[in-house]
Amino acid sequence: LYLNAFDDTSSKSSPEYRKKSKDEKNSI
């Protein structure tokens, strides 16, 4: 529950998302 609520932005988007997305920002 804590992770879902307060997670930081260190996780990267998946390669599949980066291929499809025009969003250059990698961090969430």
mmCIF file of all heavy atoms, coordinates in Angstrom:
data_MODEL
# 
_entry.id   MODEL 
# 
loop_
_atom_site.group_PDB 
_atom_site.id 
_atom_site.type_symbol 
_atom_site.label_atom_id 
_atom_site.label_alt_id 
_atom_site.label_comp_id 
_atom_site.label_asym_id 
_atom_site.label_entity_id 
_atom_site.label_seq_id 
_atom_site.pdbx_PDB_ins_code 
_atom_site.Cartn_x 
_atom_site.Cartn_y 
_atom_site.Cartn_z 
_atom_site.occupancy 
_atom_site.B_iso_or_equiv 
_atom_site.pdbx_formal_charge 
_atom_site.auth_seq_id 
_atom_site.auth_comp_id 
_atom_site.auth_asym_id 
_atom_site.auth_atom_id 
_atom_site.pdbx_PDB_model_num 
ATOM 1   N N   . LEU A 1 1  ? 0.838  -1.208 0.000   1.00 0.00 ? 1  LEU A N   1 
ATOM 2   C CA  . LEU A 1 1  ? 0.000  0.000  0.000   1.00 0.00 ? 1  LEU A CA  1 
ATOM 3   C C   . LEU A 1 1  ? 0.869  1.253  0.000   1.00 0.00 ? 1  LEU A C   1 
ATOM 4   O O   . LEU A 1 1  ? 0.587  2.225  -0.695  1.00 0.00 ? 1  LEU A O   1 
ATOM 5   C CB  . LEU A 1 1  ? -0.910 0.016  1.226   1.00 0.00 ? 1  LEU A CB  1 
ATOM 6   C CG  . LEU A 1 1  ? -2.036 -1.022 1.305   1.00 0.00 ? 1  LEU A CG  1 
ATOM 7   C CD1 . LEU A 1 1  ? -2.920 -0.729 2.510   1.00 0.00 ? 1  LEU A CD1 1 
ATOM 8   C CD2 . LEU A 1 1  ? -2.882 -1.036 0.050   1.00 0.00 ? 1  LEU A CD2 1 
ATOM 9   N N   . TYR A 1 2  ? 1.921  1.229  0.822   1.00 0.00 ? 2  TYR A N   1 
ATOM 10  C CA  . TYR A 1 2  ? 2.828  2.379  0.921   1.00 0.00 ? 2  TYR A CA  1 
ATOM 11  C C   . TYR A 1 2  ? 3.498  2.646  -0.431  1.00 0.00 ? 2  TYR A C   1 
ATOM 12  O O   . TYR A 1 2  ? 3.595  3.789  -0.883  1.00 0.00 ? 2  TYR A O   1 
ATOM 13  C CB  . TYR A 1 2  ? 3.881  2.089  2.003   1.00 0.00 ? 2  TYR A CB  1 
ATOM 14  C CG  . TYR A 1 2  ? 4.989  3.108  2.064   1.00 0.00 ? 2  TYR A CG  1 
ATOM 15  C CD1 . TYR A 1 2  ? 4.870  4.250  2.856   1.00 0.00 ? 2  TYR A CD1 1 
ATOM 16  C CD2 . TYR A 1 2  ? 6.163  2.947  1.324   1.00 0.00 ? 2  TYR A CD2 1 
ATOM 17  C CE1 . TYR A 1 2  ? 5.887  5.196  2.909   1.00 0.00 ? 2  TYR A CE1 1 
ATOM 18  C CE2 . TYR A 1 2  ? 7.178  3.887  1.376   1.00 0.00 ? 2  TYR A CE2 1 
ATOM 19  C CZ  . TYR A 1 2  ? 7.033  5.013  2.169   1.00 0.00 ? 2  TYR A CZ  1 
ATOM 20  O OH  . TYR A 1 2  ? 8.040  5.940  2.207   1.00 0.00 ? 2  TYR A OH  1 
ATOM 21  N N   . LEU A 1 3  ? 3.986  1.586  -1.078  1.00 0.00 ? 3  LEU A N   1 
ATOM 22  C CA  . LEU A 1 3  ? 4.679  1.723  -2.361  1.00 0.00 ? 3  LEU A CA  1 
ATOM 23  C C   . LEU A 1 3  ? 3.753  2.312  -3.418  1.00 0.00 ? 3  LEU A C   1 
ATOM 24  O O   . LEU A 1 3  ? 4.134  3.213  -4.169  1.00 0.00 ? 3  LEU A O   1 
ATOM 25  C CB  . LEU A 1 3  ? 5.181  0.343  -2.816  1.00 0.00 ? 3  LEU A CB  1 
ATOM 26  C CG  . LEU A 1 3  ? 5.971  0.299  -4.127  1.00 0.00 ? 3  LEU A CG  1 
ATOM 27  C CD1 . LEU A 1 3  ? 7.352  0.932  -3.933  1.00 0.00 ? 3  LEU A CD1 1 
ATOM 28  C CD2 . LEU A 1 3  ? 6.123  -1.133 -4.623  1.00 0.00 ? 3  LEU A CD2 1 
ATOM 29  N N   . ASN A 1 4  ? 2.529  1.836  -3.479  1.00 0.00 ? 4  ASN A N   1 
ATOM 30  C CA  . ASN A 1 4  ? 1.549  2.355  -4.428  1.00 0.00 ? 4  ASN A CA  1 
ATOM 31  C C   . ASN A 1 4  ? 1.295  3.841  -4.192  1.00 0.00 ? 4  ASN A C   1 
ATOM 32  O O   . ASN A 1 4  ? 1.074  4.608  -5.121  1.00 0.00 ? 4  ASN A O   1 
ATOM 33  C CB  . ASN A 1 4  ? 0.241  1.567  -4.294  1.00 0.00 ? 4  ASN A CB  1 
ATOM 34  C CG  . ASN A 1 4  ? -0.816 2.028  -5.268  1.00 0.00 ? 4  ASN A CG  1 
ATOM 35  O OD1 . ASN A 1 4  ? -0.609 2.069  -6.461  1.00 0.00 ? 4  ASN A OD1 1 
ATOM 36  N ND2 . ASN A 1 4  ? -1.963 2.422  -4.745  1.00 0.00 ? 4  ASN A ND2 1 
ATOM 37  N N   . ALA A 1 5  ? 1.366  4.260  -2.934  1.00 0.00 ? 5  ALA A N   1 
ATOM 38  C CA  . ALA A 1 5  ? 1.032  5.642  -2.571  1.00 0.00 ? 5  ALA A CA  1 
ATOM 39  C C   . ALA A 1 5  ? 2.210  6.599  -2.679  1.00 0.00 ? 5  ALA A C   1 
ATOM 40  O O   . ALA A 1 5  ? 2.060  7.739  -3.114  1.00 0.00 ? 5  ALA A O   1 
ATOM 41  C CB  . ALA A 1 5  ? 0.485  5.669  -1.140  1.00 0.00 ? 5  ALA A CB  1 
ATOM 42  N N   . PHE A 1 6  ? 3.412  6.152  -2.254  1.00 0.00 ? 6  PHE A N   1 
ATOM 43  C CA  . PHE A 1 6  ? 4.536  7.081  -2.076  1.00 0.00 ? 6  PHE A CA  1 
ATOM 44  C C   . PHE A 1 6  ? 5.787  6.721  -2.884  1.00 0.00 ? 6  PHE A C   1 
ATOM 45  O O   . PHE A 1 6  ? 6.866  7.221  -2.585  1.00 0.00 ? 6  PHE A O   1 
ATOM 46  C CB  . PHE A 1 6  ? 4.939  7.128  -0.596  1.00 0.00 ? 6  PHE A CB  1 
ATOM 47  C CG  . PHE A 1 6  ? 3.918  7.789  0.298   1.00 0.00 ? 6  PHE A CG  1 
ATOM 48  C CD1 . PHE A 1 6  ? 3.056  7.039  1.084   1.00 0.00 ? 6  PHE A CD1 1 
ATOM 49  C CD2 . PHE A 1 6  ? 3.831  9.175  0.371   1.00 0.00 ? 6  PHE A CD2 1 
ATOM 50  C CE1 . PHE A 1 6  ? 2.130  7.644  1.920   1.00 0.00 ? 6  PHE A CE1 1 
ATOM 51  C CE2 . PHE A 1 6  ? 2.903  9.795  1.206   1.00 0.00 ? 6  PHE A CE2 1 
ATOM 52  C CZ  . PHE A 1 6  ? 2.049  9.022  1.974   1.00 0.00 ? 6  PHE A CZ  1 
ATOM 53  N N   . ASP A 1 7  ? 5.668  5.871  -3.885  1.00 0.00 ? 7  ASP A N   1 
ATOM 54  C CA  . ASP A 1 7  ? 6.851  5.454  -4.633  1.00 0.00 ? 7  ASP A CA  1 
ATOM 55  C C   . ASP A 1 7  ? 7.555  6.649  -5.272  1.00 0.00 ? 7  ASP A C   1 
ATOM 56  O O   . ASP A 1 7  ? 6.914  7.620  -5.671  1.00 0.00 ? 7  ASP A O   1 
ATOM 57  C CB  . ASP A 1 7  ? 6.444  4.452  -5.721  1.00 0.00 ? 7  ASP A CB  1 
ATOM 58  C CG  . ASP A 1 7  ? 7.650  3.808  -6.394  1.00 0.00 ? 7  ASP A CG  1 
ATOM 59  O OD1 . ASP A 1 7  ? 8.678  3.625  -5.721  1.00 0.00 ? 7  ASP A OD1 1 
ATOM 60  O OD2 . ASP A 1 7  ? 7.558  3.489  -7.591  1.00 0.00 ? 7  ASP A OD2 1 
ATOM 61  N N   . ASP A 1 8  ? 8.884  6.561  -5.358  1.00 0.00 ? 8  ASP A N   1 
ATOM 62  C CA  . ASP A 1 8  ? 9.656  7.620  -6.016  1.00 0.00 ? 8  ASP A CA  1 
ATOM 63  C C   . ASP A 1 8  ? 9.603  7.435  -7.540  1.00 0.00 ? 8  ASP A C   1 
ATOM 64  O O   . ASP A 1 8  ? 8.842  6.602  -8.049  1.00 0.00 ? 8  ASP A O   1 
ATOM 65  C CB  . ASP A 1 8  ? 11.104 7.636  -5.499  1.00 0.00 ? 8  ASP A CB  1 
ATOM 66  C CG  . ASP A 1 8  ? 11.829 6.303  -5.711  1.00 0.00 ? 8  ASP A CG  1 
ATOM 67  O OD1 . ASP A 1 8  ? 11.548 5.631  -6.731  1.00 0.00 ? 8  ASP A OD1 1 
ATOM 68  O OD2 . ASP A 1 8  ? 12.668 5.930  -4.873  1.00 0.00 ? 8  ASP A OD2 1 
ATOM 69  N N   . THR A 1 9  ? 10.424 8.191  -8.268  1.00 0.00 ? 9  THR A N   1 
ATOM 70  C CA  . THR A 1 9  ? 10.361 8.162  -9.736  1.00 0.00 ? 9  THR A CA  1 
ATOM 71  C C   . THR A 1 9  ? 11.523 7.394  -10.361 1.00 0.00 ? 9  THR A C   1 
ATOM 72  O O   . THR A 1 9  ? 11.811 7.561  -11.537 1.00 0.00 ? 9  THR A O   1 
ATOM 73  C CB  . THR A 1 9  ? 10.352 9.601  -10.303 1.00 0.00 ? 9  THR A CB  1 
ATOM 74  O OG1 . THR A 1 9  ? 11.583 10.246 -9.934  1.00 0.00 ? 9  THR A OG1 1 
ATOM 75  C CG2 . THR A 1 9  ? 9.179  10.398 -9.770  1.00 0.00 ? 9  THR A CG2 1 
ATOM 76  N N   . SER A 1 10 ? 12.196 6.551  -9.555  1.00 0.00 ? 10 SER A N   1 
ATOM 77  C CA  . SER A 1 10 ? 13.406 5.897  -10.067 1.00 0.00 ? 10 SER A CA  1 
ATOM 78  C C   . SER A 1 10 ? 13.116 4.770  -11.061 1.00 0.00 ? 10 SER A C   1 
ATOM 79  O O   . SER A 1 10 ? 13.989 4.369  -11.818 1.00 0.00 ? 10 SER A O   1 
ATOM 80  C CB  . SER A 1 10 ? 14.239 5.347  -8.905  1.00 0.00 ? 10 SER A CB  1 
ATOM 81  O OG  . SER A 1 10 ? 13.496 4.398  -8.169  1.00 0.00 ? 10 SER A OG  1 
ATOM 82  N N   . SER A 1 11 ? 11.889 4.273  -11.066 1.00 0.00 ? 11 SER A N   1 
ATOM 83  C CA  . SER A 1 11 ? 11.547 3.188  -11.989 1.00 0.00 ? 11 SER A CA  1 
ATOM 84  C C   . SER A 1 11 ? 11.446 3.716  -13.428 1.00 0.00 ? 11 SER A C   1 
ATOM 85  O O   . SER A 1 11 ? 10.975 4.823  -13.650 1.00 0.00 ? 11 SER A O   1 
ATOM 86  C CB  . SER A 1 11 ? 10.214 2.580  -11.565 1.00 0.00 ? 11 SER A CB  1 
ATOM 87  O OG  . SER A 1 11 ? 9.790  1.653  -12.528 1.00 0.00 ? 11 SER A OG  1 
ATOM 88  N N   . LYS A 1 12 ? 11.904 2.918  -14.371 1.00 0.00 ? 12 LYS A N   1 
ATOM 89  C CA  . LYS A 1 12 ? 11.845 3.319  -15.782 1.00 0.00 ? 12 LYS A CA  1 
ATOM 90  C C   . LYS A 1 12 ? 10.623 2.714  -16.461 1.00 0.00 ? 12 LYS A C   1 
ATOM 91  O O   . LYS A 1 12 ? 10.121 1.676  -16.057 1.00 0.00 ? 12 LYS A O   1 
ATOM 92  C CB  . LYS A 1 12 ? 13.111 2.861  -16.525 1.00 0.00 ? 12 LYS A CB  1 
ATOM 93  C CG  . LYS A 1 12 ? 14.397 3.440  -15.964 1.00 0.00 ? 12 LYS A CG  1 
ATOM 94  C CD  . LYS A 1 12 ? 14.413 4.942  -16.087 1.00 0.00 ? 12 LYS A CD  1 
ATOM 95  C CE  . LYS A 1 12 ? 15.676 5.543  -15.499 1.00 0.00 ? 12 LYS A CE  1 
ATOM 96  N NZ  . LYS A 1 12 ? 15.478 6.893  -14.996 1.00 0.00 ? 12 LYS A NZ  1 
ATOM 97  N N   . SER A 1 13 ? 10.203 3.360  -17.538 1.00 0.00 ? 13 SER A N   1 
ATOM 98  C CA  . SER A 1 13 ? 9.121  2.770  -18.321 1.00 0.00 ? 13 SER A CA  1 
ATOM 99  C C   . SER A 1 13 ? 9.671  1.584  -19.106 1.00 0.00 ? 13 SER A C   1 
ATOM 100 O O   . SER A 1 13 ? 10.877 1.467  -19.339 1.00 0.00 ? 13 SER A O   1 
ATOM 101 C CB  . SER A 1 13 ? 8.510  3.806  -19.257 1.00 0.00 ? 13 SER A CB  1 
ATOM 102 O OG  . SER A 1 13 ? 9.525  4.505  -19.925 1.00 0.00 ? 13 SER A OG  1 
ATOM 103 N N   . SER A 1 14 ? 8.783  0.712  -19.530 1.00 0.00 ? 14 SER A N   1 
ATOM 104 C CA  . SER A 1 14 ? 9.211  -0.493 -20.243 1.00 0.00 ? 14 SER A CA  1 
ATOM 105 C C   . SER A 1 14 ? 9.651  -0.136 -21.665 1.00 0.00 ? 14 SER A C   1 
ATOM 106 O O   . SER A 1 14 ? 9.223  0.879  -22.221 1.00 0.00 ? 14 SER A O   1 
ATOM 107 C CB  . SER A 1 14 ? 8.065  -1.498 -20.305 1.00 0.00 ? 14 SER A CB  1 
ATOM 108 O OG  . SER A 1 14 ? 7.037  -0.995 -21.145 1.00 0.00 ? 14 SER A OG  1 
ATOM 109 N N   . PRO A 1 15 ? 10.497 -0.982 -22.286 1.00 0.00 ? 15 PRO A N   1 
ATOM 110 C CA  . PRO A 1 15 ? 10.912 -0.717 -23.680 1.00 0.00 ? 15 PRO A CA  1 
ATOM 111 C C   . PRO A 1 15 ? 9.707  -0.616 -24.622 1.00 0.00 ? 15 PRO A C   1 
ATOM 112 O O   . PRO A 1 15 ? 9.691  0.196  -25.543 1.00 0.00 ? 15 PRO A O   1 
ATOM 113 C CB  . PRO A 1 15 ? 11.772 -1.943 -24.026 1.00 0.00 ? 15 PRO A CB  1 
ATOM 114 C CG  . PRO A 1 15 ? 12.245 -2.473 -22.710 1.00 0.00 ? 15 PRO A CG  1 
ATOM 115 C CD  . PRO A 1 15 ? 11.168 -2.154 -21.716 1.00 0.00 ? 15 PRO A CD  1 
ATOM 116 N N   . GLU A 1 16 ? 8.664  -1.439 -24.362 1.00 0.00 ? 16 GLU A N   1 
ATOM 117 C CA  . GLU A 1 16 ? 7.470  -1.408 -25.208 1.00 0.00 ? 16 GLU A CA  1 
ATOM 118 C C   . GLU A 1 16 ? 6.788  -0.036 -25.137 1.00 0.00 ? 16 GLU A C   1 
ATOM 119 O O   . GLU A 1 16 ? 6.357  0.519  -26.140 1.00 0.00 ? 16 GLU A O   1 
ATOM 120 C CB  . GLU A 1 16 ? 6.463  -2.484 -24.753 1.00 0.00 ? 16 GLU A CB  1 
ATOM 121 C CG  . GLU A 1 16 ? 6.934  -3.905 -24.978 1.00 0.00 ? 16 GLU A CG  1 
ATOM 122 C CD  . GLU A 1 16 ? 7.725  -4.450 -23.795 1.00 0.00 ? 16 GLU A CD  1 
ATOM 123 O OE1 . GLU A 1 16 ? 8.221  -3.637 -22.973 1.00 0.00 ? 16 GLU A OE1 1 
ATOM 124 O OE2 . GLU A 1 16 ? 7.864  -5.670 -23.701 1.00 0.00 ? 16 GLU A OE2 1 
ATOM 125 N N   . TYR A 1 17 ? 6.730  0.525  -23.916 1.00 0.00 ? 17 TYR A N   1 
ATOM 126 C CA  . TYR A 1 17 ? 6.106  1.834  -23.735 1.00 0.00 ? 17 TYR A CA  1 
ATOM 127 C C   . TYR A 1 17 ? 6.918  2.902  -24.459 1.00 0.00 ? 17 TYR A C   1 
ATOM 128 O O   . TYR A 1 17 ? 6.366  3.784  -25.117 1.00 0.00 ? 17 TYR A O   1 
ATOM 129 C CB  . TYR A 1 17 ? 6.015  2.169  -22.245 1.00 0.00 ? 17 TYR A CB  1 
ATOM 130 C CG  . TYR A 1 17 ? 5.407  3.521  -21.953 1.00 0.00 ? 17 TYR A CG  1 
ATOM 131 C CD1 . TYR A 1 17 ? 4.034  3.675  -21.831 1.00 0.00 ? 17 TYR A CD1 1 
ATOM 132 C CD2 . TYR A 1 17 ? 6.204  4.662  -21.817 1.00 0.00 ? 17 TYR A CD2 1 
ATOM 133 C CE1 . TYR A 1 17 ? 3.466  4.923  -21.578 1.00 0.00 ? 17 TYR A CE1 1 
ATOM 134 C CE2 . TYR A 1 17 ? 5.654  5.904  -21.568 1.00 0.00 ? 17 TYR A CE2 1 
ATOM 135 C CZ  . TYR A 1 17 ? 4.288  6.026  -21.449 1.00 0.00 ? 17 TYR A CZ  1 
ATOM 136 O OH  . TYR A 1 17 ? 3.734  7.256  -21.206 1.00 0.00 ? 17 TYR A OH  1 
ATOM 137 N N   . ARG A 1 18 ? 8.229  2.812  -24.336 1.00 0.00 ? 18 ARG A N   1 
ATOM 138 C CA  . ARG A 1 18 ? 9.096  3.832  -24.958 1.00 0.00 ? 18 ARG A CA  1 
ATOM 139 C C   . ARG A 1 18 ? 8.991  3.797  -26.480 1.00 0.00 ? 18 ARG A C   1 
ATOM 140 O O   . ARG A 1 18 ? 9.069  4.818  -27.146 1.00 0.00 ? 18 ARG A O   1 
ATOM 141 C CB  . ARG A 1 18 ? 10.545 3.641  -24.503 1.00 0.00 ? 18 ARG A CB  1 
ATOM 142 C CG  . ARG A 1 18 ? 10.751 3.961  -23.043 1.00 0.00 ? 18 ARG A CG  1 
ATOM 143 C CD  . ARG A 1 18 ? 12.205 4.267  -22.717 1.00 0.00 ? 18 ARG A CD  1 
ATOM 144 N NE  . ARG A 1 18 ? 13.071 3.111  -22.799 1.00 0.00 ? 18 ARG A NE  1 
ATOM 145 C CZ  . ARG A 1 18 ? 13.263 2.236  -21.808 1.00 0.00 ? 18 ARG A CZ  1 
ATOM 146 N NH1 . ARG A 1 18 ? 12.612 2.378  -20.663 1.00 0.00 ? 18 ARG A NH1 1 
ATOM 147 N NH2 . ARG A 1 18 ? 14.087 1.226  -21.944 1.00 0.00 ? 18 ARG A NH2 1 
ATOM 148 N N   . LYS A 1 19 ? 8.793  2.606  -27.030 1.00 0.00 ? 19 LYS A N   1 
ATOM 149 C CA  . LYS A 1 19 ? 8.631  2.480  -28.484 1.00 0.00 ? 19 LYS A CA  1 
ATOM 150 C C   . LYS A 1 19 ? 7.349  3.163  -28.952 1.00 0.00 ? 19 LYS A C   1 
ATOM 151 O O   . LYS A 1 19 ? 7.310  3.869  -29.944 1.00 0.00 ? 19 LYS A O   1 
ATOM 152 C CB  . LYS A 1 19 ? 8.573  0.997  -28.863 1.00 0.00 ? 19 LYS A CB  1 
ATOM 153 C CG  . LYS A 1 19 ? 9.910  0.434  -29.325 1.00 0.00 ? 19 LYS A CG  1 
ATOM 154 C CD  . LYS A 1 19 ? 9.739  -0.997 -29.794 1.00 0.00 ? 19 LYS A CD  1 
ATOM 155 C CE  . LYS A 1 19 ? 10.895 -1.856 -29.275 1.00 0.00 ? 19 LYS A CE  1 
ATOM 156 N NZ  . LYS A 1 19 ? 10.577 -3.272 -29.217 1.00 0.00 ? 19 LYS A NZ  1 
ATOM 157 N N   . LYS A 1 20 ? 6.277  2.938  -28.192 1.00 0.00 ? 20 LYS A N   1 
ATOM 158 C CA  . LYS A 1 20 ? 4.952  3.451  -28.587 1.00 0.00 ? 20 LYS A CA  1 
ATOM 159 C C   . LYS A 1 20 ? 4.765  4.926  -28.253 1.00 0.00 ? 20 LYS A C   1 
ATOM 160 O O   . LYS A 1 20 ? 4.011  5.623  -28.886 1.00 0.00 ? 20 LYS A O   1 
ATOM 161 C CB  . LYS A 1 20 ? 3.855  2.642  -27.875 1.00 0.00 ? 20 LYS A CB  1 
ATOM 162 C CG  . LYS A 1 20 ? 3.595  1.297  -28.509 1.00 0.00 ? 20 LYS A CG  1 
ATOM 163 C CD  . LYS A 1 20 ? 2.376  0.630  -27.896 1.00 0.00 ? 20 LYS A CD  1 
ATOM 164 C CE  . LYS A 1 20 ? 2.618  0.171  -26.475 1.00 0.00 ? 20 LYS A CE  1 
ATOM 165 N NZ  . LYS A 1 20 ? 1.589  -0.716 -25.938 1.00 0.00 ? 20 LYS A NZ  1 
ATOM 166 N N   . SER A 1 21 ? 5.459  5.389  -27.196 1.00 0.00 ? 21 SER A N   1 
ATOM 167 C CA  . SER A 1 21 ? 5.172  6.718  -26.668 1.00 0.00 ? 21 SER A CA  1 
ATOM 168 C C   . SER A 1 21 ? 6.020  7.794  -27.311 1.00 0.00 ? 21 SER A C   1 
ATOM 169 O O   . SER A 1 21 ? 7.194  7.593  -27.598 1.00 0.00 ? 21 SER A O   1 
ATOM 170 C CB  . SER A 1 21 ? 5.408  6.712  -25.156 1.00 0.00 ? 21 SER A CB  1 
ATOM 171 O OG  . SER A 1 21 ? 5.329  8.016  -24.657 1.00 0.00 ? 21 SER A OG  1 
ATOM 172 N N   . LYS A 1 22 ? 5.396  8.963  -27.504 1.00 0.00 ? 22 LYS A N   1 
ATOM 173 C CA  . LYS A 1 22 ? 6.167  10.117 -27.983 1.00 0.00 ? 22 LYS A CA  1 
ATOM 174 C C   . LYS A 1 22 ? 6.820  10.830 -26.805 1.00 0.00 ? 22 LYS A C   1 
ATOM 175 O O   . LYS A 1 22 ? 7.614  11.743 -26.962 1.00 0.00 ? 22 LYS A O   1 
ATOM 176 C CB  . LYS A 1 22 ? 5.240  11.087 -28.725 1.00 0.00 ? 22 LYS A CB  1 
ATOM 177 C CG  . LYS A 1 22 ? 4.598  10.487 -29.966 1.00 0.00 ? 22 LYS A CG  1 
ATOM 178 C CD  . LYS A 1 22 ? 3.779  11.532 -30.697 1.00 0.00 ? 22 LYS A CD  1 
ATOM 179 C CE  . LYS A 1 22 ? 3.098  10.988 -31.929 1.00 0.00 ? 22 LYS A CE  1 
ATOM 180 N NZ  . LYS A 1 22 ? 1.987  10.080 -31.653 1.00 0.00 ? 22 LYS A NZ  1 
ATOM 181 N N   . ASP A 1 23 ? 6.432  10.417 -25.600 1.00 0.00 ? 23 ASP A N   1 
ATOM 182 C CA  . ASP A 1 23 ? 6.936  11.047 -24.382 1.00 0.00 ? 23 ASP A CA  1 
ATOM 183 C C   . ASP A 1 23 ? 8.399  10.661 -24.174 1.00 0.00 ? 23 ASP A C   1 
ATOM 184 O O   . ASP A 1 23 ? 8.720  9.504  -23.953 1.00 0.00 ? 23 ASP A O   1 
ATOM 185 C CB  . ASP A 1 23 ? 6.085  10.564 -23.193 1.00 0.00 ? 23 ASP A CB  1 
ATOM 186 C CG  . ASP A 1 23 ? 6.503  11.225 -21.886 1.00 0.00 ? 23 ASP A CG  1 
ATOM 187 O OD1 . ASP A 1 23 ? 7.401  12.088 -21.930 1.00 0.00 ? 23 ASP A OD1 1 
ATOM 188 O OD2 . ASP A 1 23 ? 5.929  10.874 -20.849 1.00 0.00 ? 23 ASP A OD2 1 
ATOM 189 N N   . GLU A 1 24 ? 9.257  11.631 -24.255 1.00 0.00 ? 24 GLU A N   1 
ATOM 190 C CA  . GLU A 1 24 ? 10.694 11.342 -24.125 1.00 0.00 ? 24 GLU A CA  1 
ATOM 191 C C   . GLU A 1 24 ? 11.085 11.106 -22.672 1.00 0.00 ? 24 GLU A C   1 
ATOM 192 O O   . GLU A 1 24 ? 12.116 10.535 -22.379 1.00 0.00 ? 24 GLU A O   1 
ATOM 193 C CB  . GLU A 1 24 ? 11.522 12.510 -24.690 1.00 0.00 ? 24 GLU A CB  1 
ATOM 194 C CG  . GLU A 1 24 ? 11.399 12.679 -26.193 1.00 0.00 ? 24 GLU A CG  1 
ATOM 195 C CD  . GLU A 1 24 ? 11.836 11.431 -26.949 1.00 0.00 ? 24 GLU A CD  1 
ATOM 196 O OE1 . GLU A 1 24 ? 12.907 10.901 -26.654 1.00 0.00 ? 24 GLU A OE1 1 
ATOM 197 O OE2 . GLU A 1 24 ? 11.079 10.975 -27.826 1.00 0.00 ? 24 GLU A OE2 1 
ATOM 198 N N   . LYS A 1 25 ? 10.247 11.597 -21.750 1.00 0.00 ? 25 LYS A N   1 
ATOM 199 C CA  . LYS A 1 25 ? 10.590 11.456 -20.335 1.00 0.00 ? 25 LYS A CA  1 
ATOM 200 C C   . LYS A 1 25 ? 10.503 9.992  -19.941 1.00 0.00 ? 25 LYS A C   1 
ATOM 201 O O   . LYS A 1 25 ? 9.477  9.360  -20.089 1.00 0.00 ? 25 LYS A O   1 
ATOM 202 C CB  . LYS A 1 25 ? 9.644  12.289 -19.463 1.00 0.00 ? 25 LYS A CB  1 
ATOM 203 C CG  . LYS A 1 25 ? 9.930  13.767 -19.510 1.00 0.00 ? 25 LYS A CG  1 
ATOM 204 C CD  . LYS A 1 25 ? 9.183  14.514 -18.423 1.00 0.00 ? 25 LYS A CD  1 
ATOM 205 C CE  . LYS A 1 25 ? 7.686  14.365 -18.576 1.00 0.00 ? 25 LYS A CE  1 
ATOM 206 N NZ  . LYS A 1 25 ? 6.920  15.190 -17.653 1.00 0.00 ? 25 LYS A NZ  1 
ATOM 207 N N   . ASN A 1 26 ? 11.613 9.489  -19.451 1.00 0.00 ? 26 ASN A N   1 
ATOM 208 C CA  . ASN A 1 26 ? 11.680 8.076  -19.124 1.00 0.00 ? 26 ASN A CA  1 
ATOM 209 C C   . ASN A 1 26 ? 11.070 7.780  -17.763 1.00 0.00 ? 26 ASN A C   1 
ATOM 210 O O   . ASN A 1 26 ? 10.490 6.728  -17.531 1.00 0.00 ? 26 ASN A O   1 
ATOM 211 C CB  . ASN A 1 26 ? 13.156 7.649  -19.143 1.00 0.00 ? 26 ASN A CB  1 
ATOM 212 C CG  . ASN A 1 26 ? 13.282 6.163  -19.387 1.00 0.00 ? 26 ASN A CG  1 
ATOM 213 O OD1 . ASN A 1 26 ? 12.279 5.470  -19.478 1.00 0.00 ? 26 ASN A OD1 1 
ATOM 214 N ND2 . ASN A 1 26 ? 14.500 5.687  -19.466 1.00 0.00 ? 26 ASN A ND2 1 
ATOM 215 N N   . SER A 1 27 ? 11.210 8.729  -16.832 1.00 0.00 ? 27 SER A N   1 
ATOM 216 C CA  . SER A 1 27 ? 10.769 8.485  -15.461 1.00 0.00 ? 27 SER A CA  1 
ATOM 217 C C   . SER A 1 27 ? 9.268  8.665  -15.308 1.00 0.00 ? 27 SER A C   1 
ATOM 218 O O   . SER A 1 27 ? 8.641  9.439  -16.025 1.00 0.00 ? 27 SER A O   1 
ATOM 219 C CB  . SER A 1 27 ? 11.491 9.426  -14.490 1.00 0.00 ? 27 SER A CB  1 
ATOM 220 O OG  . SER A 1 27 ? 12.828 9.043  -14.354 1.00 0.00 ? 27 SER A OG  1 
ATOM 221 N N   . ILE A 1 28 ? 8.715  7.951  -14.340 1.00 0.00 ? 28 ILE A N   1 
ATOM 222 C CA  . ILE A 1 28 ? 7.290  8.053  -14.042 1.00 0.00 ? 28 ILE A CA  1 
ATOM 223 C C   . ILE A 1 28 ? 7.052  9.156  -13.010 1.00 0.00 ? 28 ILE A C   1 
ATOM 224 O O   . ILE A 1 28 ? 7.999  9.686  -12.432 1.00 0.00 ? 28 ILE A O   1 
ATOM 225 C CB  . ILE A 1 28 ? 6.759  6.697  -13.520 1.00 0.00 ? 28 ILE A CB  1 
ATOM 226 C CG1 . ILE A 1 28 ? 7.603  6.216  -12.338 1.00 0.00 ? 28 ILE A CG1 1 
ATOM 227 C CG2 . ILE A 1 28 ? 6.739  5.668  -14.614 1.00 0.00 ? 28 ILE A CG2 1 
ATOM 228 C CD1 . ILE A 1 28 ? 7.148  4.891  -11.756 1.00 0.00 ? 28 ILE A CD1 1 
# 
